[in-house]
Amino acid sequence: MPPMPPITQALLLINVAAFCIDQFLGPWFTRLLALWPLGEGFFPWQVVTYAFLHGGIGHLFFNMLGLWMFGAELERTWGPKRFIHFYTASVLAAAAAQLLITALLGSQYPTVGASGGLFGLLLAFGMMFPNRTIIPLFPPIPMKAKVFVALYGGLELLLGVTGSASGVAHFAHLGGMLGGYLMFRYWRGQSPFGKRH
């Protein structure tokens, strides 16, 4: 197994450290760093810091597993600089989508988790390695990466529209995928971005 690239490793360590700190410091840590709806305790830095907090050990484990599975491969392909730009774009787009949805629904609850960034990485993996066979944990069935991405994206849209699995930020996940997709278009000089010189 190749060594874990530096940005992926740093993200894993920061997420685990933030989770441990959160367990010791309690609610005020979440109050300060989670992504709160506009007018409900929102501060600008939360569009980044929310991605380092998690609601439980299972939430942390599965996000970090996905970050390791997809992020490490992408960072080895792109290099650290391009990888962190892409991940940041996905996290910010996920935050923007969640702020919009919470404003429309009048929600008063915060959002935490690296899932928005992870869904951006998932989209990128499917676009970069569409025919790579992967075996997800749920369901444990071998499938091509492009099929896996399409299924998960479609499922998130369905669950978001129907309101199923309440408490999960489905539109933040979709926002992360959108941010990743737009980053690809920016790199390629495609609309809505002008051609790069």
C-alpha atoms as a PDB file:
ATOM      1  CA  MET A   1       0.000   0.000   0.000  1.00  0.00           C
ATOM      2  CA  PRO A   2       1.497   3.389  -0.975  1.00  0.00           C
ATOM      3  CA  PRO A   3       2.070   5.922   1.822  1.00  0.00           C
ATOM      4  CA  MET A   4      -0.795   8.277   2.586  1.00  0.00           C
ATOM      5  CA  PRO A   5      -0.253  11.658   0.882  1.00  0.00           C
ATOM      6  CA  PRO A   6       0.260  14.682   3.156  1.00  0.00           C
ATOM      7  CA  ILE A   7      -2.991  16.649   2.796  1.00  0.00           C
ATOM      8  CA  THR A   8      -5.186  13.573   3.176  1.00  0.00           C
ATOM      9  CA  GLN A   9      -3.186  12.572   6.235  1.00  0.00           C
ATOM     10  CA  ALA A  10      -3.452  16.074   7.702  1.00  0.00           C
ATOM     11  CA  LEU A  11      -7.215  16.176   7.138  1.00  0.00           C
ATOM     12  CA  LEU A  12      -7.636  12.809   8.862  1.00  0.00           C
ATOM     13  CA  LEU A  13      -5.581  13.922  11.861  1.00  0.00           C
ATOM     14  CA  ILE A  14      -7.352  17.293  12.175  1.00  0.00           C
ATOM     15  CA  ASN A  15     -10.787  15.655  12.028  1.00  0.00           C
ATOM     16  CA  VAL A  16      -9.880  13.091  14.684  1.00  0.00           C
ATOM     17  CA  ALA A  17      -8.285  15.771  16.889  1.00  0.00           C
ATOM     18  CA  ALA A  18     -11.329  18.048  16.542  1.00  0.00           C
ATOM     19  CA  PHE A  19     -13.615  15.161  17.495  1.00  0.00           C
ATOM     20  CA  CYS A  20     -11.573  14.432  20.617  1.00  0.00           C
ATOM     21  CA  ILE A  21     -11.491  18.117  21.611  1.00  0.00           C
ATOM     22  CA  ASP A  22     -15.243  18.338  21.067  1.00  0.00           C
ATOM     23  CA  GLN A  23     -15.782  15.417  23.443  1.00  0.00           C
ATOM     24  CA  PHE A  24     -13.830  17.207  26.188  1.00  0.00           C
ATOM     25  CA  LEU A  25     -14.999  20.786  25.722  1.00  0.00           C
ATOM     26  CA  GLY A  26     -18.684  20.136  25.187  1.00  0.00           C
ATOM     27  CA  PRO A  27     -21.450  22.216  23.574  1.00  0.00           C
ATOM     28  CA  TRP A  28     -19.691  25.583  23.357  1.00  0.00           C
ATOM     29  CA  PHE A  29     -17.124  24.128  20.929  1.00  0.00           C
ATOM     30  CA  THR A  30     -19.938  23.033  18.602  1.00  0.00           C
ATOM     31  CA  ARG A  31     -21.741  26.328  19.146  1.00  0.00           C
ATOM     32  CA  LEU A  32     -18.687  28.207  17.918  1.00  0.00           C
ATOM     33  CA  LEU A  33     -17.537  25.998  15.016  1.00  0.00           C
ATOM     34  CA  ALA A  34     -20.614  24.192  13.631  1.00  0.00           C
ATOM     35  CA  LEU A  35     -22.446  25.680  10.639  1.00  0.00           C
ATOM     36  CA  TRP A  36     -25.466  27.476  12.097  1.00  0.00           C
ATOM     37  CA  PRO A  37     -28.286  28.892   9.961  1.00  0.00           C
ATOM     38  CA  LEU A  38     -28.156  32.595   9.169  1.00  0.00           C
ATOM     39  CA  GLY A  39     -29.466  34.551  12.134  1.00  0.00           C
ATOM     40  CA  GLU A  40     -29.199  31.554  14.484  1.00  0.00           C
ATOM     41  CA  GLY A  41     -25.572  31.932  15.555  1.00  0.00           C
ATOM     42  CA  PHE A  42     -23.853  31.984  12.173  1.00  0.00           C
ATOM     43  CA  PHE A  43     -20.268  33.262  11.894  1.00  0.00           C
ATOM     44  CA  PRO A  44     -18.313  33.414   8.603  1.00  0.00           C
ATOM     45  CA  TRP A  45     -15.587  30.964   9.675  1.00  0.00           C
ATOM     46  CA  GLN A  46     -18.204  28.248  10.149  1.00  0.00           C
ATOM     47  CA  VAL A  47     -18.355  27.619   6.368  1.00  0.00           C
ATOM     48  CA  VAL A  48     -14.994  25.875   6.847  1.00  0.00           C
ATOM     49  CA  THR A  49     -14.860  24.750  10.482  1.00  0.00           C
ATOM     50  CA  TYR A  50     -18.104  22.735  10.351  1.00  0.00           C
ATOM     51  CA  ALA A  51     -16.332  20.228   8.096  1.00  0.00           C
ATOM     52  CA  PHE A  52     -14.008  19.214  10.939  1.00  0.00           C
ATOM     53  CA  LEU A  53     -16.747  18.395  13.472  1.00  0.00           C
ATOM     54  CA  HIS A  54     -18.769  15.182  13.652  1.00  0.00           C
ATOM     55  CA  GLY A  55     -21.893  14.105  15.486  1.00  0.00           C
ATOM     56  CA  GLY A  56     -20.596  10.744  16.691  1.00  0.00           C
ATOM     57  CA  ILE A  57     -17.915   8.120  16.302  1.00  0.00           C
ATOM     58  CA  GLY A  58     -19.783   6.385  13.456  1.00  0.00           C
ATOM     59  CA  HIS A  59     -20.176   9.660  11.568  1.00  0.00           C
ATOM     60  CA  LEU A  60     -16.449  10.329  11.965  1.00  0.00           C
ATOM     61  CA  PHE A  61     -15.414   6.778  11.020  1.00  0.00           C
ATOM     62  CA  PHE A  62     -17.344   6.561   7.759  1.00  0.00           C
ATOM     63  CA  ASN A  63     -16.329  10.048   6.626  1.00  0.00           C
ATOM     64  CA  MET A  64     -12.676   9.351   7.355  1.00  0.00           C
ATOM     65  CA  LEU A  65     -12.907   5.984   5.611  1.00  0.00           C
ATOM     66  CA  GLY A  66     -14.258   7.732   2.510  1.00  0.00           C
ATOM     67  CA  LEU A  67     -11.606  10.442   2.739  1.00  0.00           C
ATOM     68  CA  TRP A  68      -8.911   7.784   2.846  1.00  0.00           C
ATOM     69  CA  MET A  69     -10.466   5.673   0.053  1.00  0.00           C
ATOM     70  CA  PHE A  70     -11.079   8.472  -2.441  1.00  0.00           C
ATOM     71  CA  GLY A  71      -9.009  11.419  -1.239  1.00  0.00           C
ATOM     72  CA  ALA A  72      -5.651   9.654  -1.083  1.00  0.00           C
ATOM     73  CA  GLU A  73      -5.953   8.418  -4.677  1.00  0.00           C
ATOM     74  CA  LEU A  74      -6.990  11.835  -5.957  1.00  0.00           C
ATOM     75  CA  GLU A  75      -4.199  13.619  -4.088  1.00  0.00           C
ATOM     76  CA  ARG A  76      -1.633  11.215  -5.538  1.00  0.00           C
ATOM     77  CA  THR A  77      -3.009  11.990  -9.003  1.00  0.00           C
ATOM     78  CA  TRP A  78      -3.387  15.765  -8.654  1.00  0.00           C
ATOM     79  CA  GLY A  79      -0.758  16.686  -6.102  1.00  0.00           C
ATOM     80  CA  PRO A  80      -1.391  18.439  -2.758  1.00  0.00           C
ATOM     81  CA  LYS A  81      -2.154  21.942  -4.073  1.00  0.00           C
ATOM     82  CA  ARG A  82      -4.835  20.984  -6.558  1.00  0.00           C
ATOM     83  CA  PHE A  83      -6.305  18.469  -4.123  1.00  0.00           C
ATOM     84  CA  ILE A  84      -6.757  21.002  -1.296  1.00  0.00           C
ATOM     85  CA  HIS A  85      -8.279  23.519  -3.728  1.00  0.00           C
ATOM     86  CA  PHE A  86     -10.788  20.937  -4.881  1.00  0.00           C
ATOM     87  CA  TYR A  87     -11.659  19.759  -1.365  1.00  0.00           C
ATOM     88  CA  THR A  88     -12.093  23.337  -0.152  1.00  0.00           C
ATOM     89  CA  ALA A  89     -14.386  24.180  -3.077  1.00  0.00           C
ATOM     90  CA  SER A  90     -16.550  21.157  -2.229  1.00  0.00           C
ATOM     91  CA  VAL A  91     -16.729  22.086   1.472  1.00  0.00           C
ATOM     92  CA  LEU A  92     -17.648  25.708   0.696  1.00  0.00           C
ATOM     93  CA  ALA A  93     -20.279  24.736  -1.880  1.00  0.00           C
ATOM     94  CA  ALA A  94     -21.805  22.273   0.574  1.00  0.00           C
ATOM     95  CA  ALA A  95     -21.967  25.028   3.208  1.00  0.00           C
ATOM     96  CA  ALA A  96     -23.615  27.435   0.741  1.00  0.00           C
ATOM     97  CA  ALA A  97     -26.221  24.823  -0.209  1.00  0.00           C
ATOM     98  CA  GLN A  98     -26.969  24.050   3.434  1.00  0.00           C
ATOM     99  CA  LEU A  99     -27.296  27.735   4.363  1.00  0.00           C
ATOM    100  CA  LEU A 100     -29.737  28.214   1.492  1.00  0.00           C
ATOM    101  CA  ILE A 101     -31.844  25.209   2.478  1.00  0.00           C
ATOM    102  CA  THR A 102     -31.922  26.107   6.179  1.00  0.00           C
ATOM    103  CA  ALA A 103     -32.960  29.677   5.257  1.00  0.00           C
ATOM    104  CA  LEU A 104     -35.783  28.393   3.048  1.00  0.00           C
ATOM    105  CA  LEU A 105     -36.994  25.893   5.644  1.00  0.00           C
ATOM    106  CA  GLY A 106     -36.496  28.134   8.671  1.00  0.00           C
ATOM    107  CA  SER A 107     -34.271  25.564  10.341  1.00  0.00           C
ATOM    108  CA  GLN A 108     -32.599  26.356  13.670  1.00  0.00           C
ATOM    109  CA  TYR A 109     -30.232  23.375  13.764  1.00  0.00           C
ATOM    110  CA  PRO A 110     -26.485  23.328  13.055  1.00  0.00           C
ATOM    111  CA  THR A 111     -24.665  21.229  10.476  1.00  0.00           C
ATOM    112  CA  VAL A 112     -21.431  19.318  11.097  1.00  0.00           C
ATOM    113  CA  GLY A 113     -19.336  16.831   9.170  1.00  0.00           C
ATOM    114  CA  ALA A 114     -16.929  16.386   6.291  1.00  0.00           C
ATOM    115  CA  SER A 115     -19.597  14.748   4.138  1.00  0.00           C
ATOM    116  CA  GLY A 116     -19.961  17.702   1.746  1.00  0.00           C
ATOM    117  CA  GLY A 117     -16.246  17.619   0.975  1.00  0.00           C
ATOM    118  CA  LEU A 118     -16.356  13.842   0.765  1.00  0.00           C
ATOM    119  CA  PHE A 119     -19.185  13.866  -1.778  1.00  0.00           C
ATOM    120  CA  GLY A 120     -17.134  16.267  -3.898  1.00  0.00           C
ATOM    121  CA  LEU A 121     -14.247  13.792  -3.761  1.00  0.00           C
ATOM    122  CA  LEU A 122     -16.631  10.969  -4.619  1.00  0.00           C
ATOM    123  CA  LEU A 123     -17.772  12.816  -7.737  1.00  0.00           C
ATOM    124  CA  ALA A 124     -14.159  13.518  -8.704  1.00  0.00           C
ATOM    125  CA  PHE A 125     -13.222   9.862  -8.265  1.00  0.00           C
ATOM    126  CA  GLY A 126     -16.084   8.827 -10.527  1.00  0.00           C
ATOM    127  CA  MET A 127     -15.027  11.353 -13.161  1.00  0.00           C
ATOM    128  CA  MET A 128     -11.310  10.547 -12.969  1.00  0.00           C
ATOM    129  CA  PHE A 129     -11.615   6.761 -12.692  1.00  0.00           C
ATOM    130  CA  PRO A 130     -15.092   5.955 -14.078  1.00  0.00           C
ATOM    131  CA  ASN A 131     -14.405   2.286 -14.778  1.00  0.00           C
ATOM    132  CA  ARG A 132     -12.519   1.514 -11.574  1.00  0.00           C
ATOM    133  CA  THR A 133     -14.319  -1.280  -9.710  1.00  0.00           C
ATOM    134  CA  ILE A 134     -15.082  -0.517  -6.068  1.00  0.00           C
ATOM    135  CA  ILE A 135     -16.952  -2.439  -3.395  1.00  0.00           C
ATOM    136  CA  PRO A 136     -18.883  -0.102  -1.068  1.00  0.00           C
ATOM    137  CA  LEU A 137     -19.771  -1.149   2.470  1.00  0.00           C
ATOM    138  CA  PHE A 138     -23.468  -0.586   1.715  1.00  0.00           C
ATOM    139  CA  PRO A 139     -24.328  -2.512  -0.384  1.00  0.00           C
ATOM    140  CA  PRO A 140     -21.215  -4.766  -0.589  1.00  0.00           C
ATOM    141  CA  ILE A 141     -21.632  -5.286  -4.339  1.00  0.00           C
ATOM    142  CA  PRO A 142     -18.793  -4.656  -6.838  1.00  0.00           C
ATOM    143  CA  MET A 143     -19.656  -1.813  -9.211  1.00  0.00           C
ATOM    144  CA  LYS A 144     -17.922   0.700 -11.435  1.00  0.00           C
ATOM    145  CA  ALA A 145     -17.100   4.030  -9.809  1.00  0.00           C
ATOM    146  CA  LYS A 146     -19.351   5.951 -12.219  1.00  0.00           C
ATOM    147  CA  VAL A 147     -22.320   3.739 -11.259  1.00  0.00           C
ATOM    148  CA  PHE A 148     -21.570   4.158  -7.556  1.00  0.00           C
ATOM    149  CA  VAL A 149     -21.451   7.965  -7.897  1.00  0.00           C
ATOM    150  CA  ALA A 150     -24.690   8.063  -9.907  1.00  0.00           C
ATOM    151  CA  LEU A 151     -26.485   5.845  -7.366  1.00  0.00           C
ATOM    152  CA  TYR A 152     -25.349   7.830  -4.351  1.00  0.00           C
ATOM    153  CA  GLY A 153     -26.082  11.175  -6.021  1.00  0.00           C
ATOM    154  CA  GLY A 154     -29.549  10.008  -7.027  1.00  0.00           C
ATOM    155  CA  LEU A 155     -30.220   8.615  -3.566  1.00  0.00           C
ATOM    156  CA  GLU A 156     -29.188  11.887  -1.901  1.00  0.00           C
ATOM    157  CA  LEU A 157     -31.511  13.836  -4.209  1.00  0.00           C
ATOM    158  CA  LEU A 158     -34.408  11.467  -3.513  1.00  0.00           C
ATOM    159  CA  LEU A 159     -33.901  11.561   0.249  1.00  0.00           C
ATOM    160  CA  GLY A 160     -33.497  15.334   0.226  1.00  0.00           C
ATOM    161  CA  VAL A 161     -36.661  15.971  -1.778  1.00  0.00           C
ATOM    162  CA  THR A 162     -38.788  13.513   0.206  1.00  0.00           C
ATOM    163  CA  GLY A 163     -37.387  14.590   3.569  1.00  0.00           C
ATOM    164  CA  SER A 164     -36.394  11.033   4.444  1.00  0.00           C
ATOM    165  CA  ALA A 165     -33.626  10.306   6.966  1.00  0.00           C
ATOM    166  CA  SER A 166     -34.307  13.552   8.811  1.00  0.00           C
ATOM    167  CA  GLY A 167     -31.249  15.076  10.429  1.00  0.00           C
ATOM    168  CA  VAL A 168     -28.990  14.290   7.458  1.00  0.00           C
ATOM    169  CA  ALA A 169     -27.883  17.255   5.329  1.00  0.00           C
ATOM    170  CA  HIS A 170     -28.677  15.712   1.939  1.00  0.00           C
ATOM    171  CA  PHE A 171     -28.552  19.022   0.077  1.00  0.00           C
ATOM    172  CA  ALA A 172     -25.160  19.796   1.616  1.00  0.00           C
ATOM    173  CA  HIS A 173     -23.941  16.512   0.132  1.00  0.00           C
ATOM    174  CA  LEU A 174     -25.340  17.508  -3.248  1.00  0.00           C
ATOM    175  CA  GLY A 175     -23.817  20.964  -2.827  1.00  0.00           C
ATOM    176  CA  GLY A 176     -20.428  19.338  -2.294  1.00  0.00           C
ATOM    177  CA  MET A 177     -20.848  17.390  -5.521  1.00  0.00           C
ATOM    178  CA  LEU A 178     -21.871  20.576  -7.341  1.00  0.00           C
ATOM    179  CA  GLY A 179     -18.837  22.427  -5.989  1.00  0.00           C
ATOM    180  CA  GLY A 180     -16.568  19.646  -7.190  1.00  0.00           C
ATOM    181  CA  TYR A 181     -18.213  19.622 -10.615  1.00  0.00           C
ATOM    182  CA  LEU A 182     -17.812  23.396 -10.949  1.00  0.00           C
ATOM    183  CA  MET A 183     -14.154  23.100  -9.947  1.00  0.00           C
ATOM    184  CA  PHE A 184     -13.630  20.642 -12.785  1.00  0.00           C
ATOM    185  CA  ARG A 185     -15.264  23.085 -15.211  1.00  0.00           C
ATOM    186  CA  TYR A 186     -13.100  25.914 -13.917  1.00  0.00           C
ATOM    187  CA  TRP A 187      -9.944  23.884 -14.455  1.00  0.00           C
ATOM    188  CA  ARG A 188     -11.082  23.055 -17.990  1.00  0.00           C
ATOM    189  CA  GLY A 189     -12.099  26.643 -18.813  1.00  0.00           C
ATOM    190  CA  GLN A 190     -15.720  25.639 -19.417  1.00  0.00           C
ATOM    191  CA  SER A 191     -18.859  27.705 -18.761  1.00  0.00           C
ATOM    192  CA  PRO A 192     -19.850  29.360 -16.512  1.00  0.00           C
ATOM    193  CA  PHE A 193     -16.149  30.207 -16.369  1.00  0.00           C
ATOM    194  CA  GLY A 194     -14.244  31.867 -19.196  1.00  0.00           C
ATOM    195  CA  LYS A 195     -11.507  30.112 -21.105  1.00  0.00           C
ATOM    196  CA  ARG A 196      -8.258  29.967 -19.225  1.00  0.00           C
ATOM    197  CA  HIS A 197      -5.200  31.432 -20.942  1.00  0.00           C
END
